[in-house]
Amino acid sequence: MRASQALAFCVLVLSVWGDLGLASAQAPRPDWLEAHDPATIIEREAAEKALEQVGLVKPKVMRQLLVDERACFNRFFVNACVAEVETKRKDYERRYGAIEVRARQVIRDDDAVRKSEALASDIAQREAEADLRAAEQRTAQQRAAQRQTQLEEKQSDRQTQLQSLQAEQAQRESKRTGMQVDLEERQAQARQRELAASANAQARLEREAEHANRLKARAGEIAEQRSKALAKQQERDEEARKQAIKQQEKAAKRAAKVAKDVAGQAAK
């Protein structure tokens, strides 16, 4: 009698143990997760691919866990089976969530870098345009100086001619003197206009140079911000890696404890 009772008890234990093993075997094996540590997602292409894969794999895993959870109600130790499935669900959600967070962060950082590069390119183009305008201003100043020199040479020639004519046309000295005064006034006005134009051109050149310096300073600030952002990102990555290691250690301890409890129940 005792032998038959012991045999029945052994059959019952083996049946329960088989049910627990079957529930564990039916749980999905997300091999894709094992090969994708969030800390390894660095480039935008990898981040986009990781988001796409999570979108494809995660629903399948969650559906399979739901099937496993429903199957627990047909087995012995329902609570232990359901708890095991729930633990796996939380672990998968945490790991998938870590990949999604990391991938989205990489994409945001890449967008920021691209925006900074576009801004730097725009600043460089503006600087080139400012340099071109400055060169044009210098060319205009040189041409104005050449015209001024030619005008002075012509004025000198005219003065020499006037002096030679004065000896020959003494009787028209008064009239000629009036004409000379009028000519000199017009020439003085022309020189004043040219000097004013040159001063305005110089002022514009100085303003453009000041603007170019501000753009360069802004580019330096952007580069510094980008460097700080990269440093902060590296700190966040290191912290995420440490957290992932801690979570893995905790999961391993929980798994060992569950295995120990199951072994203890089996032994009873």
C-alpha atoms as a PDB file:
ATOM      1  CA  MET A   1       0.000   0.000   0.000  1.00  0.00           C
ATOM      2  CA  ARG A   2       2.733   2.382   0.940  1.00  0.00           C
ATOM      3  CA  ALA A   3       4.609   1.485  -2.246  1.00  0.00           C
ATOM      4  CA  SER A   4       1.597   2.356  -4.398  1.00  0.00           C
ATOM      5  CA  GLN A   5       1.117   5.651  -2.540  1.00  0.00           C
ATOM      6  CA  ALA A   6       4.790   6.525  -3.014  1.00  0.00           C
ATOM      7  CA  LEU A   7       4.546   5.642  -6.694  1.00  0.00           C
ATOM      8  CA  ALA A   8       1.440   7.825  -7.112  1.00  0.00           C
ATOM      9  CA  PHE A   9       3.196  10.691  -5.344  1.00  0.00           C
ATOM     10  CA  CYS A  10       6.214  10.373  -7.647  1.00  0.00           C
ATOM     11  CA  VAL A  11       3.947  10.367 -10.715  1.00  0.00           C
ATOM     12  CA  LEU A  12       2.225  13.502  -9.395  1.00  0.00           C
ATOM     13  CA  VAL A  13       5.561  15.284  -8.793  1.00  0.00           C
ATOM     14  CA  LEU A  14       6.841  14.334 -12.253  1.00  0.00           C
ATOM     15  CA  SER A  15       3.609  15.564 -13.828  1.00  0.00           C
ATOM     16  CA  VAL A  16       3.846  18.933 -12.041  1.00  0.00           C
ATOM     17  CA  TRP A  17       7.523  19.251 -12.892  1.00  0.00           C
ATOM     18  CA  GLY A  18       6.741  18.422 -16.541  1.00  0.00           C
ATOM     19  CA  ASP A  19       4.039  21.090 -16.631  1.00  0.00           C
ATOM     20  CA  LEU A  20       6.437  23.700 -15.251  1.00  0.00           C
ATOM     21  CA  GLY A  21       9.105  22.675 -17.742  1.00  0.00           C
ATOM     22  CA  LEU A  22       6.601  22.829 -20.602  1.00  0.00           C
ATOM     23  CA  ALA A  23       5.531  26.352 -19.631  1.00  0.00           C
ATOM     24  CA  SER A  24       9.162  27.412 -19.597  1.00  0.00           C
ATOM     25  CA  ALA A  25       9.872  25.742 -22.955  1.00  0.00           C
ATOM     26  CA  GLN A  26       6.877  27.408 -24.623  1.00  0.00           C
ATOM     27  CA  ALA A  27       8.021  30.891 -23.605  1.00  0.00           C
ATOM     28  CA  PRO A  28       9.560  32.688 -26.596  1.00  0.00           C
ATOM     29  CA  ARG A  29      13.311  32.812 -26.856  1.00  0.00           C
ATOM     30  CA  PRO A  30      14.138  36.376 -27.962  1.00  0.00           C
ATOM     31  CA  ASP A  31      17.531  35.553 -29.438  1.00  0.00           C
ATOM     32  CA  TRP A  32      17.403  38.960 -31.138  1.00  0.00           C
ATOM     33  CA  LEU A  33      17.578  40.627 -27.707  1.00  0.00           C
ATOM     34  CA  GLU A  34      20.719  38.714 -26.765  1.00  0.00           C
ATOM     35  CA  ALA A  35      22.542  40.146 -29.798  1.00  0.00           C
ATOM     36  CA  HIS A  36      21.396  43.751 -29.298  1.00  0.00           C
ATOM     37  CA  ASP A  37      22.765  45.582 -26.295  1.00  0.00           C
ATOM     38  CA  PRO A  38      21.368  49.162 -26.232  1.00  0.00           C
ATOM     39  CA  ALA A  39      24.859  50.491 -25.556  1.00  0.00           C
ATOM     40  CA  THR A  40      25.997  49.206 -28.969  1.00  0.00           C
ATOM     41  CA  ILE A  41      23.453  51.378 -30.821  1.00  0.00           C
ATOM     42  CA  ILE A  42      25.542  54.351 -31.930  1.00  0.00           C
ATOM     43  CA  GLU A  43      24.756  55.113 -35.563  1.00  0.00           C
ATOM     44  CA  ARG A  44      21.388  56.365 -36.870  1.00  0.00           C
ATOM     45  CA  GLU A  45      21.021  53.458 -39.297  1.00  0.00           C
ATOM     46  CA  ALA A  46      21.413  50.934 -36.460  1.00  0.00           C
ATOM     47  CA  ALA A  47      18.925  52.883 -34.319  1.00  0.00           C
ATOM     48  CA  GLU A  48      16.281  52.933 -37.060  1.00  0.00           C
ATOM     49  CA  LYS A  49      16.820  49.220 -37.727  1.00  0.00           C
ATOM     50  CA  ALA A  50      16.547  48.452 -33.999  1.00  0.00           C
ATOM     51  CA  LEU A  51      13.220  50.326 -33.743  1.00  0.00           C
ATOM     52  CA  GLU A  52      11.937  48.453 -36.774  1.00  0.00           C
ATOM     53  CA  GLN A  53      12.972  45.090 -35.307  1.00  0.00           C
ATOM     54  CA  VAL A  54      11.409  45.892 -31.920  1.00  0.00           C
ATOM     55  CA  GLY A  55       8.170  46.792 -33.699  1.00  0.00           C
ATOM     56  CA  LEU A  56       8.193  43.407 -35.421  1.00  0.00           C
ATOM     57  CA  VAL A  57       9.450  41.133 -32.625  1.00  0.00           C
ATOM     58  CA  LYS A  58       7.902  42.624 -29.466  1.00  0.00           C
ATOM     59  CA  PRO A  59       4.215  42.029 -30.393  1.00  0.00           C
ATOM     60  CA  LYS A  60       4.970  38.390 -31.231  1.00  0.00           C
ATOM     61  CA  VAL A  61       6.755  37.856 -27.914  1.00  0.00           C
ATOM     62  CA  MET A  62       3.931  39.511 -25.941  1.00  0.00           C
ATOM     63  CA  ARG A  63       1.304  37.382 -27.721  1.00  0.00           C
ATOM     64  CA  GLN A  64       3.268  34.204 -26.998  1.00  0.00           C
ATOM     65  CA  LEU A  65       3.546  35.172 -23.308  1.00  0.00           C
ATOM     66  CA  LEU A  66      -0.213  35.729 -23.208  1.00  0.00           C
ATOM     67  CA  VAL A  67      -0.732  32.232 -24.654  1.00  0.00           C
ATOM     68  CA  ASP A  68       1.659  30.796 -22.050  1.00  0.00           C
ATOM     69  CA  GLU A  69      -0.159  32.632 -19.255  1.00  0.00           C
ATOM     70  CA  ARG A  70      -3.512  31.210 -20.333  1.00  0.00           C
ATOM     71  CA  ALA A  71      -1.967  27.752 -20.548  1.00  0.00           C
ATOM     72  CA  CYS A  72      -0.901  28.031 -16.888  1.00  0.00           C
ATOM     73  CA  PHE A  73      -4.522  27.649 -15.749  1.00  0.00           C
ATOM     74  CA  ASN A  74      -4.550  24.099 -17.101  1.00  0.00           C
ATOM     75  CA  ARG A  75      -1.573  23.040 -14.969  1.00  0.00           C
ATOM     76  CA  PHE A  76      -0.659  22.428 -11.341  1.00  0.00           C
ATOM     77  CA  PHE A  77       0.906  25.327  -9.379  1.00  0.00           C
ATOM     78  CA  VAL A  78      -0.981  27.920 -11.432  1.00  0.00           C
ATOM     79  CA  ASN A  79       0.316  30.860  -9.386  1.00  0.00           C
ATOM     80  CA  ALA A  80       3.953  29.887  -9.819  1.00  0.00           C
ATOM     81  CA  CYS A  81       3.459  29.427 -13.550  1.00  0.00           C
ATOM     82  CA  VAL A  82       1.675  32.782 -13.935  1.00  0.00           C
ATOM     83  CA  ALA A  83       4.338  34.513 -11.830  1.00  0.00           C
ATOM     84  CA  GLU A  84       7.078  33.065 -14.029  1.00  0.00           C
ATOM     85  CA  VAL A  85       5.344  34.307 -17.200  1.00  0.00           C
ATOM     86  CA  GLU A  86       4.788  37.760 -15.637  1.00  0.00           C
ATOM     87  CA  THR A  87       8.459  37.966 -14.656  1.00  0.00           C
ATOM     88  CA  LYS A  88       9.472  37.169 -18.227  1.00  0.00           C
ATOM     89  CA  ARG A  89       6.996  39.724 -19.570  1.00  0.00           C
ATOM     90  CA  LYS A  90       8.423  42.488 -17.357  1.00  0.00           C
ATOM     91  CA  ASP A  91      11.975  41.527 -18.290  1.00  0.00           C
ATOM     92  CA  TYR A  92      11.196  41.611 -22.017  1.00  0.00           C
ATOM     93  CA  GLU A  93       9.341  44.919 -21.724  1.00  0.00           C
ATOM     94  CA  ARG A  94      12.267  46.420 -19.819  1.00  0.00           C
ATOM     95  CA  ARG A  95      14.818  45.212 -22.355  1.00  0.00           C
ATOM     96  CA  TYR A  96      12.752  46.218 -25.382  1.00  0.00           C
ATOM     97  CA  GLY A  97      12.078  49.568 -23.736  1.00  0.00           C
ATOM     98  CA  ALA A  98      15.799  50.146 -23.165  1.00  0.00           C
ATOM     99  CA  ILE A  99      16.493  49.489 -26.857  1.00  0.00           C
ATOM    100  CA  GLU A 100      13.689  51.842 -27.935  1.00  0.00           C
ATOM    101  CA  VAL A 101      14.859  54.629 -25.595  1.00  0.00           C
ATOM    102  CA  ARG A 102      18.461  54.294 -26.747  1.00  0.00           C
ATOM    103  CA  ALA A 103      17.515  54.184 -30.439  1.00  0.00           C
ATOM    104  CA  ARG A 104      15.297  57.260 -30.197  1.00  0.00           C
ATOM    105  CA  GLN A 105      18.037  59.119 -28.299  1.00  0.00           C
ATOM    106  CA  VAL A 106      20.572  58.270 -31.036  1.00  0.00           C
ATOM    107  CA  ILE A 107      18.141  59.529 -33.712  1.00  0.00           C
ATOM    108  CA  ARG A 108      17.525  62.771 -31.783  1.00  0.00           C
ATOM    109  CA  ASP A 109      21.252  63.305 -31.339  1.00  0.00           C
ATOM    110  CA  ASP A 110      21.837  62.656 -35.048  1.00  0.00           C
ATOM    111  CA  ASP A 111      19.125  65.182 -35.940  1.00  0.00           C
ATOM    112  CA  ALA A 112      20.792  67.738 -33.665  1.00  0.00           C
ATOM    113  CA  VAL A 113      24.191  67.074 -35.252  1.00  0.00           C
ATOM    114  CA  ARG A 114      22.756  67.425 -38.747  1.00  0.00           C
ATOM    115  CA  LYS A 115      21.069  70.677 -37.768  1.00  0.00           C
ATOM    116  CA  SER A 116      24.334  71.991 -36.296  1.00  0.00           C
ATOM    117  CA  GLU A 117      26.224  70.992 -39.448  1.00  0.00           C
ATOM    118  CA  ALA A 118      23.630  72.752 -41.621  1.00  0.00           C
ATOM    119  CA  LEU A 119      23.934  75.864 -39.453  1.00  0.00           C
ATOM    120  CA  ALA A 120      27.731  75.726 -39.663  1.00  0.00           C
ATOM    121  CA  SER A 121      27.503  75.380 -43.450  1.00  0.00           C
ATOM    122  CA  ASP A 122      25.194  78.384 -43.602  1.00  0.00           C
ATOM    123  CA  ILE A 123      27.588  80.382 -41.458  1.00  0.00           C
ATOM    124  CA  ALA A 124      30.516  79.388 -43.704  1.00  0.00           C
ATOM    125  CA  GLN A 125      28.538  80.447 -46.781  1.00  0.00           C
ATOM    126  CA  ARG A 126      27.732  83.791 -45.193  1.00  0.00           C
ATOM    127  CA  GLU A 127      31.375  84.276 -44.296  1.00  0.00           C
ATOM    128  CA  ALA A 128      32.344  83.530 -47.901  1.00  0.00           C
ATOM    129  CA  GLU A 129      29.782  86.030 -49.129  1.00  0.00           C
ATOM    130  CA  ALA A 130      31.088  88.594 -46.648  1.00  0.00           C
ATOM    131  CA  ASP A 131      34.651  87.981 -47.904  1.00  0.00           C
ATOM    132  CA  LEU A 132      33.434  88.407 -51.479  1.00  0.00           C
ATOM    133  CA  ARG A 133      31.712  91.674 -50.628  1.00  0.00           C
ATOM    134  CA  ALA A 134      34.839  92.859 -48.822  1.00  0.00           C
ATOM    135  CA  ALA A 135      36.925  92.030 -51.904  1.00  0.00           C
ATOM    136  CA  GLU A 136      34.472  93.931 -54.084  1.00  0.00           C
ATOM    137  CA  GLN A 137      34.686  96.899 -51.728  1.00  0.00           C
ATOM    138  CA  ARG A 138      38.469  96.806 -51.873  1.00  0.00           C
ATOM    139  CA  THR A 139      38.308  96.674 -55.677  1.00  0.00           C
ATOM    140  CA  ALA A 140      35.920  99.631 -55.694  1.00  0.00           C
ATOM    141  CA  GLN A 141      38.233 101.578 -53.408  1.00  0.00           C
ATOM    142  CA  GLN A 142      41.198 100.827 -55.651  1.00  0.00           C
ATOM    143  CA  ARG A 143      39.271 101.984 -58.707  1.00  0.00           C
ATOM    144  CA  ALA A 144      38.196 105.131 -56.867  1.00  0.00           C
ATOM    145  CA  ALA A 145      41.828 105.775 -55.919  1.00  0.00           C
ATOM    146  CA  GLN A 146      42.883 105.299 -59.553  1.00  0.00           C
ATOM    147  CA  ARG A 147      40.190 107.674 -60.734  1.00  0.00           C
ATOM    148  CA  GLN A 148      41.291 110.177 -58.097  1.00  0.00           C
ATOM    149  CA  THR A 149      44.913 109.903 -59.261  1.00  0.00           C
ATOM    150  CA  GLN A 150      43.887 110.336 -62.892  1.00  0.00           C
ATOM    151  CA  LEU A 151      41.760 113.309 -61.945  1.00  0.00           C
ATOM    152  CA  GLU A 152      44.629 114.886 -60.039  1.00  0.00           C
ATOM    153  CA  GLU A 153      46.935 114.305 -62.998  1.00  0.00           C
ATOM    154  CA  LYS A 154      44.442 115.906 -65.332  1.00  0.00           C
ATOM    155  CA  GLN A 155      44.040 118.782 -62.904  1.00  0.00           C
ATOM    156  CA  SER A 156      47.775 119.211 -62.823  1.00  0.00           C
ATOM    157  CA  ASP A 157      47.905 119.258 -66.609  1.00  0.00           C
ATOM    158  CA  ARG A 158      45.127 121.806 -66.766  1.00  0.00           C
ATOM    159  CA  GLN A 159      46.871 123.963 -64.191  1.00  0.00           C
ATOM    160  CA  THR A 160      50.059 123.886 -66.226  1.00  0.00           C
ATOM    161  CA  GLN A 161      48.131 124.842 -69.334  1.00  0.00           C
ATOM    162  CA  LEU A 162      46.443 127.661 -67.456  1.00  0.00           C
ATOM    163  CA  GLN A 163      49.749 128.981 -66.233  1.00  0.00           C
ATOM    164  CA  SER A 164      51.164 128.997 -69.754  1.00  0.00           C
ATOM    165  CA  LEU A 165      48.040 130.714 -71.073  1.00  0.00           C
ATOM    166  CA  GLN A 166      48.178 133.377 -68.379  1.00  0.00           C
ATOM    167  CA  ALA A 167      51.339 134.819 -69.950  1.00  0.00           C
ATOM    168  CA  GLU A 168      49.688 134.926 -73.369  1.00  0.00           C
ATOM    169  CA  GLN A 169      46.200 136.120 -72.317  1.00  0.00           C
ATOM    170  CA  ALA A 170      46.813 138.759 -69.685  1.00  0.00           C
ATOM    171  CA  GLN A 171      43.811 140.784 -70.947  1.00  0.00           C
ATOM    172  CA  ARG A 172      41.423 137.934 -70.069  1.00  0.00           C
ATOM    173  CA  GLU A 173      42.891 137.312 -66.617  1.00  0.00           C
ATOM    174  CA  SER A 174      39.817 138.463 -64.732  1.00  0.00           C
ATOM    175  CA  LYS A 175      37.399 136.294 -66.717  1.00  0.00           C
ATOM    176  CA  ARG A 176      39.750 133.359 -66.694  1.00  0.00           C
ATOM    177  CA  THR A 177      40.219 133.683 -62.941  1.00  0.00           C
ATOM    178  CA  GLY A 178      36.453 133.473 -62.398  1.00  0.00           C
ATOM    179  CA  MET A 179      36.264 130.356 -64.551  1.00  0.00           C
ATOM    180  CA  GLN A 180      39.148 128.819 -62.645  1.00  0.00           C
ATOM    181  CA  VAL A 181      37.476 129.501 -59.306  1.00  0.00           C
ATOM    182  CA  ASP A 182      34.268 127.881 -60.521  1.00  0.00           C
ATOM    183  CA  LEU A 183      36.183 124.870 -61.812  1.00  0.00           C
ATOM    184  CA  GLU A 184      38.035 124.449 -58.538  1.00  0.00           C
ATOM    185  CA  GLU A 185      34.767 124.588 -56.594  1.00  0.00           C
ATOM    186  CA  ARG A 186      33.265 121.842 -58.746  1.00  0.00           C
ATOM    187  CA  GLN A 187      36.422 119.796 -58.338  1.00  0.00           C
ATOM    188  CA  ALA A 188      36.339 120.285 -54.572  1.00  0.00           C
ATOM    189  CA  GLN A 189      32.731 119.170 -54.481  1.00  0.00           C
ATOM    190  CA  ALA A 190      33.587 116.120 -56.567  1.00  0.00           C
ATOM    191  CA  ARG A 191      36.425 115.253 -54.196  1.00  0.00           C
ATOM    192  CA  GLN A 192      34.133 115.656 -51.205  1.00  0.00           C
ATOM    193  CA  ARG A 193      31.556 113.351 -52.780  1.00  0.00           C
ATOM    194  CA  GLU A 194      34.207 110.744 -53.551  1.00  0.00           C
ATOM    195  CA  LEU A 195      35.642 111.011 -50.039  1.00  0.00           C
ATOM    196  CA  ALA A 196      32.157 110.593 -48.560  1.00  0.00           C
ATOM    197  CA  ALA A 197      31.546 107.557 -50.783  1.00  0.00           C
ATOM    198  CA  SER A 198      34.889 106.067 -49.730  1.00  0.00           C
ATOM    199  CA  ALA A 199      34.081 106.670 -46.053  1.00  0.00           C
ATOM    200  CA  ASN A 200      30.683 104.997 -46.453  1.00  0.00           C
ATOM    201  CA  ALA A 201      32.278 102.035 -48.197  1.00  0.00           C
ATOM    202  CA  GLN A 202      34.826 101.715 -45.394  1.00  0.00           C
ATOM    203  CA  ALA A 203      32.047 101.832 -42.796  1.00  0.00           C
ATOM    204  CA  ARG A 204      30.129  99.093 -44.614  1.00  0.00           C
ATOM    205  CA  LEU A 205      33.286  97.009 -44.791  1.00  0.00           C
ATOM    206  CA  GLU A 206      33.823  97.386 -41.043  1.00  0.00           C
ATOM    207  CA  ARG A 207      30.207  96.428 -40.301  1.00  0.00           C
ATOM    208  CA  GLU A 208      30.476  93.343 -42.472  1.00  0.00           C
ATOM    209  CA  ALA A 209      33.756  92.381 -40.799  1.00  0.00           C
ATOM    210  CA  GLU A 210      32.107  92.760 -37.389  1.00  0.00           C
ATOM    211  CA  HIS A 211      29.199  90.605 -38.558  1.00  0.00           C
ATOM    212  CA  ALA A 212      31.599  87.945 -39.820  1.00  0.00           C
ATOM    213  CA  ASN A 213      33.372  87.929 -36.434  1.00  0.00           C
ATOM    214  CA  ARG A 214      30.027  87.407 -34.683  1.00  0.00           C
ATOM    215  CA  LEU A 215      29.240  84.508 -36.992  1.00  0.00           C
ATOM    216  CA  LYS A 216      32.637  82.941 -36.240  1.00  0.00           C
ATOM    217  CA  ALA A 217      32.030  83.352 -32.517  1.00  0.00           C
ATOM    218  CA  ARG A 218      28.636  81.712 -32.900  1.00  0.00           C
ATOM    219  CA  ALA A 219      30.203  78.807 -34.782  1.00  0.00           C
ATOM    220  CA  GLY A 220      32.668  78.361 -31.922  1.00  0.00           C
ATOM    221  CA  GLU A 221      29.784  78.311 -29.407  1.00  0.00           C
ATOM    222  CA  ILE A 222      27.958  75.705 -31.497  1.00  0.00           C
ATOM    223  CA  ALA A 223      31.086  73.530 -31.643  1.00  0.00           C
ATOM    224  CA  GLU A 224      31.492  73.815 -27.855  1.00  0.00           C
ATOM    225  CA  GLN A 225      27.811  72.941 -27.283  1.00  0.00           C
ATOM    226  CA  ARG A 226      28.195  69.931 -29.560  1.00  0.00           C
ATOM    227  CA  SER A 227      31.273  68.783 -27.644  1.00  0.00           C
ATOM    228  CA  LYS A 228      29.424  69.117 -24.331  1.00  0.00           C
ATOM    229  CA  ALA A 229      26.425  67.272 -25.745  1.00  0.00           C
ATOM    230  CA  LEU A 230      28.662  64.405 -26.873  1.00  0.00           C
ATOM    231  CA  ALA A 231      30.311  64.261 -23.445  1.00  0.00           C
ATOM    232  CA  LYS A 232      26.934  64.162 -21.719  1.00  0.00           C
ATOM    233  CA  GLN A 233      25.764  61.459 -24.100  1.00  0.00           C
ATOM    234  CA  GLN A 234      28.814  59.365 -23.265  1.00  0.00           C
ATOM    235  CA  GLU A 235      28.043  59.780 -19.548  1.00  0.00           C
ATOM    236  CA  ARG A 236      24.439  58.730 -20.128  1.00  0.00           C
ATOM    237  CA  ASP A 237      25.613  55.721 -22.160  1.00  0.00           C
ATOM    238  CA  GLU A 238      27.962  54.659 -19.374  1.00  0.00           C
ATOM    239  CA  GLU A 239      25.237  55.040 -16.766  1.00  0.00           C
ATOM    240  CA  ALA A 240      22.811  53.042 -18.937  1.00  0.00           C
ATOM    241  CA  ARG A 241      25.408  50.306 -19.331  1.00  0.00           C
ATOM    242  CA  LYS A 242      25.919  50.137 -15.565  1.00  0.00           C
ATOM    243  CA  GLN A 243      22.166  50.020 -14.970  1.00  0.00           C
ATOM    244  CA  ALA A 244      21.823  47.245 -17.556  1.00  0.00           C
ATOM    245  CA  ILE A 245      24.523  45.216 -15.782  1.00  0.00           C
ATOM    246  CA  LYS A 246      22.777  45.710 -12.429  1.00  0.00           C
ATOM    247  CA  GLN A 247      19.450  44.657 -13.910  1.00  0.00           C
ATOM    248  CA  GLN A 248      21.032  41.547 -15.426  1.00  0.00           C
ATOM    249  CA  GLU A 249      22.584  40.655 -12.068  1.00  0.00           C
ATOM    250  CA  LYS A 250      19.228  41.099 -10.313  1.00  0.00           C
ATOM    251  CA  ALA A 251      17.478  39.002 -12.979  1.00  0.00           C
ATOM    252  CA  ALA A 252      20.077  36.262 -12.553  1.00  0.00           C
ATOM    253  CA  LYS A 253      19.593  36.272  -8.772  1.00  0.00           C
ATOM    254  CA  ARG A 254      15.795  36.114  -9.162  1.00  0.00           C
ATOM    255  CA  ALA A 255      16.125  33.251 -11.666  1.00  0.00           C
ATOM    256  CA  ALA A 256      18.419  31.372  -9.272  1.00  0.00           C
ATOM    257  CA  LYS A 257      15.984  31.916  -6.431  1.00  0.00           C
ATOM    258  CA  VAL A 258      13.045  30.704  -8.534  1.00  0.00           C
ATOM    259  CA  ALA A 259      15.037  27.624  -9.574  1.00  0.00           C
ATOM    260  CA  LYS A 260      15.939  26.966  -5.955  1.00  0.00           C
ATOM    261  CA  ASP A 261      12.280  27.299  -4.869  1.00  0.00           C
ATOM    262  CA  VAL A 262      11.138  24.999  -7.664  1.00  0.00           C
ATOM    263  CA  ALA A 263      13.803  22.477  -6.731  1.00  0.00           C
ATOM    264  CA  GLY A 264      12.722  22.693  -3.094  1.00  0.00           C
ATOM    265  CA  GLN A 265       9.084  22.122  -3.994  1.00  0.00           C
ATOM    266  CA  ALA A 266      10.055  19.198  -6.197  1.00  0.00           C
ATOM    267  CA  ALA A 267      12.063  17.692  -3.378  1.00  0.00           C
ATOM    268  CA  LYS A 268       9.040  17.945  -1.069  1.00  0.00           C
END
